[in-house]
Amino acid sequence: MAAEPRSRGRRVLRLLGALPLLAVAGYVVTLAVSSSAPAQQSLGAAAPFVAPATEPLPPGVAQVSGTAAAPARDAGIAALADGAWLEATAAATGIPARALAAYAGASLVLKQEQPACRLGWTTLAALGFIESGHGTFGGTELTADGYPGIPIVGPALNGDGFAAIPDTDGGVWDTDAVWDRAVGPLQFIPGTWERWGVDGNADGDYDPNQIDDAVLGAANYLCHSGPMDTPAGWRAAVFSYNHLEVYVDDVAAAANRYAAAVL
């Protein structure tokens, strides 16, 4: 289905980090490890693996309150996870609470809307860590409404150490009308967001800079690869996000750390 024209808040880019990217065609997201993230040791093809089927699922507000159903999605995904769980898990993992609310909320949405995917919050948190340090790349941090205090924009994708992607959004997101640049805490490029962008914070807009929108868009993208409850399925989904095996290993390592921190 062709994407309809969108307003400024309904189109997106993705940020490229400090390492050279693998050129990827079509709508495949191409990401790189952010220079703000500590270097991860490659674990190799047999790396310890966090299967979403065994990832700890955050308790939803409904589970704690005893209500029959989770809060309406139109309240925004950050409102779905239990507050006490968020506070304790943020302290245990070091993940900023505002980012953690997006990861947890997206996993609860997926449990209801795409239960076969089996994508858990620790994988989403690992992606957010590697892509932008949970929205802290360049020394910024997420505001209460889920936006980086300073926009996260990567280098021009001009073919010099990166994929060559001529401008597709008129510079709306990256202020570059010649080349595309990646933008936001989950590092989307325009063509990818145009297909996968979603309104995660229920404000009526699709914005890759906003953490709820970006995380839920990334979750939908990963689930499109198929069930993630086997090592092969999980690795295939993460590999589709960035075509580098070392990237997949780094995501697995980060997800494992987060899972271990809350056991």
Protein backbone atom coordinates (compact mmCIF):
# COMPACT_ATOMS: atom_id res chain seq x y z
CA MET A 1 0.00 0.00 0.00
CA ALA A 2 1.44 3.35 -0.98
CA ALA A 3 2.13 5.68 1.89
CA GLU A 4 -0.04 8.77 1.91
CA PRO A 5 1.57 12.20 2.29
CA ARG A 6 2.20 13.09 5.90
CA SER A 7 2.69 16.24 7.89
CA ARG A 8 6.02 17.07 9.54
CA GLY A 9 5.15 14.86 12.48
CA ARG A 10 4.23 11.97 10.22
CA ARG A 11 7.50 11.56 8.35
CA VAL A 12 10.83 10.41 9.61
CA LEU A 13 14.53 9.84 9.40
CA ARG A 14 16.92 7.64 11.25
CA LEU A 15 20.17 8.53 12.88
CA LEU A 16 23.48 7.00 11.94
CA GLY A 17 25.98 6.57 14.72
CA ALA A 18 29.73 6.89 14.68
CA LEU A 19 30.55 3.69 12.79
CA PRO A 20 30.25 3.24 9.00
CA LEU A 21 26.97 1.70 7.90
CA LEU A 22 26.29 -1.20 5.65
CA ALA A 23 24.37 0.03 2.62
CA VAL A 24 20.92 -1.52 2.63
CA ALA A 25 18.32 -1.20 -0.11
CA GLY A 26 14.57 -0.68 0.15
CA TYR A 27 12.97 -0.24 3.54
CA VAL A 28 15.57 -2.12 5.54
CA VAL A 29 16.70 0.05 8.42
CA THR A 30 20.43 0.70 8.53
CA LEU A 31 21.77 1.56 11.96
CA ALA A 32 25.14 1.92 13.63
CA VAL A 33 26.45 1.74 17.17
CA SER A 34 26.34 5.16 18.81
CA SER A 35 29.63 6.59 20.00
CA SER A 36 27.92 7.38 23.32
CA ALA A 37 27.43 3.68 24.03
CA PRO A 38 30.19 1.70 25.72
CA ALA A 39 31.96 -0.64 23.33
CA GLN A 40 30.56 -4.15 23.36
CA GLN A 41 32.69 -7.26 22.89
CA SER A 42 31.54 -9.34 19.95
CA LEU A 43 30.09 -12.61 21.18
CA GLY A 44 30.15 -14.41 17.85
CA ALA A 45 27.44 -16.46 16.16
CA ALA A 46 26.95 -18.61 19.25
CA ALA A 47 26.39 -15.60 21.51
CA PRO A 48 24.12 -15.95 24.54
CA PHE A 49 20.67 -15.19 23.30
CA VAL A 50 17.61 -13.61 24.89
CA ALA A 51 14.58 -15.32 23.39
CA PRO A 52 11.54 -13.06 23.67
CA ALA A 53 9.56 -16.08 24.85
CA THR A 54 11.65 -16.07 28.03
CA GLU A 55 12.22 -12.35 28.40
CA PRO A 56 10.65 -10.92 31.56
CA LEU A 57 7.32 -9.30 30.72
CA PRO A 58 6.58 -6.05 32.53
CA PRO A 59 3.38 -5.99 34.57
CA GLY A 60 0.72 -3.80 33.05
CA VAL A 61 -1.40 -1.38 35.02
CA ALA A 62 -4.36 -3.71 34.55
CA GLN A 63 -2.50 -6.63 36.10
CA VAL A 64 -1.78 -4.57 39.21
CA SER A 65 -5.13 -2.80 39.48
CA GLY A 66 -7.20 -5.92 38.83
CA THR A 67 -9.13 -4.35 35.96
CA ALA A 68 -10.26 -6.63 33.17
CA ALA A 69 -8.24 -5.05 30.38
CA ALA A 70 -5.12 -2.98 29.90
CA PRO A 71 -5.49 0.80 29.71
CA ALA A 72 -6.75 1.99 26.34
CA ARG A 73 -4.01 2.36 23.78
CA ASP A 74 -5.27 5.87 23.07
CA ALA A 75 -3.72 6.88 26.38
CA GLY A 76 -0.26 6.27 24.89
CA ILE A 77 2.01 3.29 25.42
CA ALA A 78 4.06 4.92 28.19
CA ALA A 79 1.01 4.68 30.46
CA LEU A 80 0.65 0.90 30.09
CA ALA A 81 3.36 -0.40 32.42
CA ASP A 82 3.00 -0.41 36.19
CA GLY A 83 4.72 2.55 37.86
CA ALA A 84 6.29 0.58 40.68
CA TRP A 85 7.79 -1.87 38.19
CA LEU A 86 9.18 1.00 36.11
CA GLU A 87 10.82 2.61 39.13
CA ALA A 88 12.42 -0.61 40.35
CA THR A 89 13.55 -1.73 36.90
CA ALA A 90 15.01 1.66 35.99
CA ALA A 91 17.05 1.54 39.19
CA ALA A 92 18.22 -2.03 38.53
CA THR A 93 19.17 -1.54 34.87
CA GLY A 94 20.20 2.10 34.66
CA ILE A 95 17.69 2.69 31.85
CA PRO A 96 16.11 6.16 32.10
CA ALA A 97 12.54 5.74 33.31
CA ARG A 98 11.02 7.66 30.39
CA ALA A 99 12.72 5.40 27.85
CA LEU A 100 11.89 2.28 29.86
CA ALA A 101 8.20 3.23 29.85
CA ALA A 102 8.28 3.20 26.04
CA TYR A 103 10.04 -0.18 25.84
CA ALA A 104 7.69 -1.76 28.37
CA GLY A 105 4.59 -0.21 26.87
CA ALA A 106 5.48 -1.40 23.39
CA SER A 107 6.01 -4.96 24.63
CA LEU A 108 2.57 -4.92 26.29
CA VAL A 109 0.97 -3.64 23.09
CA LEU A 110 2.66 -6.41 21.11
CA LYS A 111 1.46 -9.04 23.58
CA GLN A 112 -2.10 -8.01 22.75
CA GLU A 113 -1.83 -7.10 19.07
CA GLN A 114 0.91 -9.43 17.79
CA PRO A 115 1.22 -12.22 20.37
CA ALA A 116 2.99 -14.54 17.93
CA CYS A 117 5.92 -12.11 17.60
CA ARG A 118 7.21 -12.72 21.15
CA LEU A 119 9.29 -9.53 21.24
CA GLY A 120 10.10 -8.46 24.78
CA TRP A 121 11.10 -5.17 26.36
CA THR A 122 14.74 -6.16 26.91
CA THR A 123 15.37 -6.44 23.17
CA LEU A 124 13.77 -3.06 22.55
CA ALA A 125 15.84 -1.58 25.37
CA ALA A 126 19.00 -3.08 23.89
CA LEU A 127 18.24 -1.44 20.55
CA GLY A 128 17.61 1.89 22.25
CA PHE A 129 20.87 1.61 24.17
CA ILE A 130 22.99 0.87 21.13
CA GLU A 131 21.27 3.34 18.81
CA SER A 132 21.29 6.41 21.05
CA GLY A 133 22.08 5.50 24.65
CA HIS A 134 18.31 5.62 25.32
CA GLY A 135 18.00 9.08 23.83
CA THR A 136 21.10 10.52 25.52
CA PHE A 137 23.43 10.67 22.49
CA GLY A 138 25.46 13.89 22.46
CA GLY A 139 24.80 14.61 26.12
CA THR A 140 21.06 15.19 25.83
CA GLU A 141 18.26 13.37 27.65
CA LEU A 142 14.61 12.63 27.09
CA THR A 143 12.09 15.18 28.29
CA ALA A 144 8.86 14.18 30.03
CA ASP A 145 7.03 14.16 26.70
CA GLY A 146 9.54 11.71 25.24
CA TYR A 147 11.64 13.95 22.99
CA PRO A 148 15.43 14.37 23.22
CA GLY A 149 16.23 17.79 24.65
CA ILE A 150 18.60 18.24 21.72
CA PRO A 151 17.58 16.64 18.39
CA ILE A 152 19.62 13.53 17.58
CA VAL A 153 20.72 13.83 13.95
CA GLY A 154 23.42 11.79 12.27
CA PRO A 155 25.91 12.56 9.51
CA ALA A 156 24.91 13.00 5.88
CA LEU A 157 24.37 9.73 4.04
CA ASN A 158 26.48 10.89 1.14
CA GLY A 159 28.37 7.68 0.39
CA ASP A 160 31.51 8.80 2.23
CA GLY A 161 31.82 5.97 4.77
CA PHE A 162 28.07 5.57 4.82
CA ALA A 163 25.32 4.47 2.48
CA ALA A 164 24.48 7.07 -0.18
CA ILE A 165 20.85 8.11 0.24
CA PRO A 166 19.80 11.32 -1.54
CA ASP A 167 17.30 13.49 0.29
CA THR A 168 13.75 12.13 0.36
CA ASP A 169 12.03 14.42 2.85
CA GLY A 170 13.02 17.90 1.71
CA GLY A 171 15.10 18.33 4.86
CA VAL A 172 12.01 18.35 7.06
CA TRP A 173 13.56 16.26 9.81
CA ASP A 174 17.30 16.62 9.35
CA THR A 175 17.51 20.15 7.85
CA ASP A 176 19.46 18.63 4.94
CA ALA A 177 17.79 18.96 1.55
CA VAL A 178 20.64 17.22 -0.29
CA TRP A 179 21.24 13.97 1.62
CA ASP A 180 19.20 12.01 4.09
CA ARG A 181 20.36 11.74 7.69
CA ALA A 182 19.15 9.44 10.41
CA VAL A 183 17.13 10.93 13.26
CA GLY A 184 15.81 10.15 16.71
CA PRO A 185 16.41 7.66 19.53
CA LEU A 186 15.83 4.58 17.33
CA GLN A 187 17.61 6.01 14.26
CA PHE A 188 15.09 5.89 11.43
CA ILE A 189 15.64 6.93 7.81
CA PRO A 190 12.73 8.52 5.91
CA GLY A 191 11.71 5.63 3.69
CA THR A 192 11.64 3.20 6.60
CA TRP A 193 9.55 5.50 8.76
CA GLU A 194 7.19 6.30 5.93
CA ARG A 195 6.20 2.64 5.96
CA TRP A 196 6.58 1.75 9.63
CA GLY A 197 5.94 5.00 11.47
CA VAL A 198 3.24 4.80 14.13
CA ASP A 199 1.65 7.02 16.77
CA GLY A 200 2.81 5.54 20.06
CA ASN A 201 2.03 8.46 22.35
CA ALA A 202 -1.51 9.01 21.00
CA ASP A 203 -1.02 12.64 20.04
CA GLY A 204 -2.26 12.11 16.48
CA ASP A 205 1.20 12.42 14.94
CA TYR A 206 4.00 10.10 13.78
CA ASP A 207 7.35 11.48 14.90
CA PRO A 208 10.62 9.48 14.89
CA ASN A 209 12.08 11.88 17.44
CA GLN A 210 9.43 10.92 20.01
CA ILE A 211 10.44 7.82 21.98
CA ASP A 212 7.00 6.14 22.10
CA ASP A 213 6.44 6.55 18.37
CA ALA A 214 9.97 5.41 17.55
CA VAL A 215 9.98 2.34 19.81
CA LEU A 216 6.58 1.09 18.67
CA GLY A 217 7.59 1.65 15.04
CA ALA A 218 10.79 -0.33 15.60
CA ALA A 219 8.82 -3.09 17.32
CA ASN A 220 6.44 -3.39 14.38
CA TYR A 221 9.40 -3.46 12.00
CA LEU A 222 11.10 -6.28 13.92
CA CYS A 223 7.91 -8.33 14.19
CA HIS A 224 7.44 -8.12 10.45
CA SER A 225 10.34 -10.57 10.15
CA GLY A 226 8.32 -13.26 11.90
CA PRO A 227 8.23 -14.89 15.36
CA MET A 228 11.23 -14.04 17.52
CA ASP A 229 10.99 -16.90 20.01
CA THR A 230 13.84 -18.92 18.52
CA PRO A 231 17.51 -17.95 18.17
CA ALA A 232 17.22 -18.01 14.37
CA GLY A 233 14.05 -15.93 14.33
CA TRP A 234 15.40 -13.42 16.84
CA ARG A 235 18.71 -12.98 15.04
CA ALA A 236 16.98 -12.62 11.67
CA ALA A 237 14.77 -9.83 12.99
CA VAL A 238 17.62 -7.89 14.60
CA PHE A 239 19.81 -8.47 11.53
CA SER A 240 17.09 -6.87 9.40
CA TYR A 241 17.45 -3.75 11.53
CA ASN A 242 21.17 -3.53 10.77
CA HIS A 243 22.90 -5.99 8.43
CA LEU A 244 25.91 -6.66 10.64
CA GLU A 245 26.36 -9.82 12.69
CA VAL A 246 28.40 -7.93 15.27
CA TYR A 247 25.44 -5.58 15.72
CA VAL A 248 23.18 -8.56 16.42
CA ASP A 249 25.72 -9.85 18.95
CA ASP A 250 25.87 -6.47 20.67
CA VAL A 251 22.08 -6.28 20.92
CA ALA A 252 22.01 -9.79 22.40
CA ALA A 253 24.66 -8.86 24.96
CA ALA A 254 22.79 -5.73 26.06
CA ALA A 255 19.45 -7.56 26.22
CA ASN A 256 21.03 -10.30 28.31
CA ARG A 257 22.40 -7.74 30.77
CA TYR A 258 19.01 -6.13 31.20
CA ALA A 259 17.29 -9.48 31.67
CA ALA A 260 19.87 -10.56 34.25
CA ALA A 261 19.50 -7.31 36.17
CA VAL A 262 15.85 -7.97 36.95
CA LEU A 263 15.99 -11.70 37.67
